[in-house]
Amino acid sequence: MSEAPKRRVRCAVYTRKSTDEGMDQEYNSIDAQRDAGHAYIASQRAEGWIPVADDYDDPAFSGGNMERPALRRMIADIEAGKIDVVVIYKIDRLTRSLAD
């Protein structure tokens, strides 16, 4: 008897850094967060997790500001049914207030 195929779980990686300090480095905080997110998605491949084509990066934006370009684009993609799971390095990369 064959096992039923696992459903595909479309995963987005969201990154944020509050200042532009260090962003001119060849490998910066946004890169590290993105790599960690993609590594986690890869570790869940057996569960059907796959990365979406786009990354959502907001360099030099405060976590208290919910009007970040990549965040707004990601929310629109979630509402459009393009994303099932959002992967972040730490919760404070998404927001400074859990009420948001």
C-alpha atoms as a PDB file:
ATOM      1  CA  MET A   1       0.000   0.000   0.000  1.00  0.00           C
ATOM      2  CA  SER A   2       1.499   3.357  -0.979  1.00  0.00           C
ATOM      3  CA  GLU A   3       1.624   6.301   1.360  1.00  0.00           C
ATOM      4  CA  ALA A   4      -0.544   9.297   0.471  1.00  0.00           C
ATOM      5  CA  PRO A   5       1.518  12.187  -0.871  1.00  0.00           C
ATOM      6  CA  LYS A   6       2.226  14.913   1.652  1.00  0.00           C
ATOM      7  CA  ARG A   7       0.655  18.260   0.947  1.00  0.00           C
ATOM      8  CA  ARG A   8       2.926  21.034  -0.184  1.00  0.00           C
ATOM      9  CA  VAL A   9       3.442  23.728   2.413  1.00  0.00           C
ATOM     10  CA  ARG A  10       4.479  26.977   0.740  1.00  0.00           C
ATOM     11  CA  CYS A  11       6.880  28.819   3.032  1.00  0.00           C
ATOM     12  CA  ALA A  12       8.039  32.432   2.940  1.00  0.00           C
ATOM     13  CA  VAL A  13      11.112  33.783   4.701  1.00  0.00           C
ATOM     14  CA  TYR A  14      10.704  37.238   6.256  1.00  0.00           C
ATOM     15  CA  THR A  15      13.718  39.248   7.442  1.00  0.00           C
ATOM     16  CA  ARG A  16      14.113  42.657   9.039  1.00  0.00           C
ATOM     17  CA  LYS A  17      16.909  44.809  10.412  1.00  0.00           C
ATOM     18  CA  SER A  18      16.073  48.022  12.247  1.00  0.00           C
ATOM     19  CA  THR A  19      19.005  50.086  10.943  1.00  0.00           C
ATOM     20  CA  ASP A  20      21.109  50.179   7.806  1.00  0.00           C
ATOM     21  CA  GLU A  21      24.274  49.707   9.889  1.00  0.00           C
ATOM     22  CA  GLY A  22      26.371  46.910   8.396  1.00  0.00           C
ATOM     23  CA  MET A  23      24.114  46.492   5.367  1.00  0.00           C
ATOM     24  CA  ASP A  24      27.028  47.377   3.069  1.00  0.00           C
ATOM     25  CA  GLN A  25      28.919  44.268   4.207  1.00  0.00           C
ATOM     26  CA  GLU A  26      29.168  41.380   1.759  1.00  0.00           C
ATOM     27  CA  TYR A  27      27.292  39.128   4.211  1.00  0.00           C
ATOM     28  CA  ASN A  28      24.987  40.995   6.584  1.00  0.00           C
ATOM     29  CA  SER A  29      22.244  40.344   9.143  1.00  0.00           C
ATOM     30  CA  ILE A  30      19.516  40.095   6.489  1.00  0.00           C
ATOM     31  CA  ASP A  31      21.585  37.470   4.621  1.00  0.00           C
ATOM     32  CA  ALA A  32      22.124  35.485   7.843  1.00  0.00           C
ATOM     33  CA  GLN A  33      18.420  35.584   8.745  1.00  0.00           C
ATOM     34  CA  ARG A  34      17.441  34.547   5.201  1.00  0.00           C
ATOM     35  CA  ASP A  35      19.939  31.660   5.153  1.00  0.00           C
ATOM     36  CA  ALA A  36      18.701  30.414   8.548  1.00  0.00           C
ATOM     37  CA  GLY A  37      15.097  30.561   7.334  1.00  0.00           C
ATOM     38  CA  HIS A  38      15.844  28.634   4.162  1.00  0.00           C
ATOM     39  CA  ALA A  39      17.854  26.056   6.124  1.00  0.00           C
ATOM     40  CA  TYR A  40      14.864  25.507   8.411  1.00  0.00           C
ATOM     41  CA  ILE A  41      12.524  25.085   5.449  1.00  0.00           C
ATOM     42  CA  ALA A  42      14.956  22.563   3.939  1.00  0.00           C
ATOM     43  CA  SER A  43      14.995  20.654   7.253  1.00  0.00           C
ATOM     44  CA  GLN A  44      11.206  20.273   6.959  1.00  0.00           C
ATOM     45  CA  ARG A  45      11.231  19.057   3.350  1.00  0.00           C
ATOM     46  CA  ALA A  46      10.002  15.605   4.433  1.00  0.00           C
ATOM     47  CA  GLU A  47       6.877  17.352   5.753  1.00  0.00           C
ATOM     48  CA  GLY A  48       6.253  18.943   2.364  1.00  0.00           C
ATOM     49  CA  TRP A  49       7.721  22.359   3.133  1.00  0.00           C
ATOM     50  CA  ILE A  50       8.949  24.252   0.074  1.00  0.00           C
ATOM     51  CA  PRO A  51      10.184  27.846  -0.223  1.00  0.00           C
ATOM     52  CA  VAL A  52       8.209  30.334  -2.285  1.00  0.00           C
ATOM     53  CA  ALA A  53      10.174  32.111  -5.019  1.00  0.00           C
ATOM     54  CA  ASP A  54      10.268  35.488  -3.258  1.00  0.00           C
ATOM     55  CA  ASP A  55      12.017  36.516  -0.072  1.00  0.00           C
ATOM     56  CA  TYR A  56      10.588  39.334   2.013  1.00  0.00           C
ATOM     57  CA  ASP A  57      13.384  41.593   3.281  1.00  0.00           C
ATOM     58  CA  ASP A  58      12.902  44.872   5.156  1.00  0.00           C
ATOM     59  CA  PRO A  59      16.323  46.414   5.856  1.00  0.00           C
ATOM     60  CA  ALA A  60      16.413  49.612   7.948  1.00  0.00           C
ATOM     61  CA  PHE A  61      12.826  49.401   9.249  1.00  0.00           C
ATOM     62  CA  SER A  62      11.753  49.509  12.888  1.00  0.00           C
ATOM     63  CA  GLY A  63       9.804  46.565  14.272  1.00  0.00           C
ATOM     64  CA  GLY A  64       7.293  49.055  15.637  1.00  0.00           C
ATOM     65  CA  ASN A  65       6.422  50.169  12.108  1.00  0.00           C
ATOM     66  CA  MET A  66       3.886  47.826  10.497  1.00  0.00           C
ATOM     67  CA  GLU A  67       3.974  49.771   7.211  1.00  0.00           C
ATOM     68  CA  ARG A  68       7.095  48.034   5.916  1.00  0.00           C
ATOM     69  CA  PRO A  69       7.160  47.356   2.152  1.00  0.00           C
ATOM     70  CA  ALA A  70       8.141  43.673   2.266  1.00  0.00           C
ATOM     71  CA  LEU A  71       5.798  42.992   5.196  1.00  0.00           C
ATOM     72  CA  ARG A  72       2.856  44.562   3.331  1.00  0.00           C
ATOM     73  CA  ARG A  73       3.735  42.559   0.191  1.00  0.00           C
ATOM     74  CA  MET A  74       3.972  39.338   2.225  1.00  0.00           C
ATOM     75  CA  ILE A  75       0.612  39.971   3.915  1.00  0.00           C
ATOM     76  CA  ALA A  76      -0.954  40.565   0.492  1.00  0.00           C
ATOM     77  CA  ASP A  77       0.531  37.266  -0.744  1.00  0.00           C
ATOM     78  CA  ILE A  78      -0.821  35.449   2.334  1.00  0.00           C
ATOM     79  CA  GLU A  79      -4.270  36.922   1.715  1.00  0.00           C
ATOM     80  CA  ALA A  80      -3.999  35.865  -1.948  1.00  0.00           C
ATOM     81  CA  GLY A  81      -3.366  32.264  -0.831  1.00  0.00           C
ATOM     82  CA  LYS A  82       0.251  32.139  -2.060  1.00  0.00           C
ATOM     83  CA  ILE A  83       1.856  31.449   1.344  1.00  0.00           C
ATOM     84  CA  ASP A  84       1.000  28.836   3.987  1.00  0.00           C
ATOM     85  CA  VAL A  85       3.787  29.399   6.541  1.00  0.00           C
ATOM     86  CA  VAL A  86       6.024  32.359   7.384  1.00  0.00           C
ATOM     87  CA  VAL A  87       9.498  31.538   8.705  1.00  0.00           C
ATOM     88  CA  ILE A  88      11.321  34.192  10.745  1.00  0.00           C
ATOM     89  CA  TYR A  89      14.613  34.125  12.633  1.00  0.00           C
ATOM     90  CA  LYS A  90      13.059  35.500  15.839  1.00  0.00           C
ATOM     91  CA  ILE A  91       9.607  36.865  16.621  1.00  0.00           C
ATOM     92  CA  ASP A  92      11.012  40.381  17.067  1.00  0.00           C
ATOM     93  CA  ARG A  93      11.979  40.392  13.389  1.00  0.00           C
ATOM     94  CA  LEU A  94       8.263  40.368  12.589  1.00  0.00           C
ATOM     95  CA  THR A  95       7.025  42.834  15.222  1.00  0.00           C
ATOM     96  CA  ARG A  96       7.990  44.403  18.519  1.00  0.00           C
ATOM     97  CA  SER A  97       4.403  44.081  19.758  1.00  0.00           C
ATOM     98  CA  LEU A  98       2.686  40.698  19.882  1.00  0.00           C
ATOM     99  CA  ALA A  99      -0.646  42.547  19.709  1.00  0.00           C
ATOM    100  CA  ASP A 100       0.157  43.414  16.064  1.00  0.00           C
END
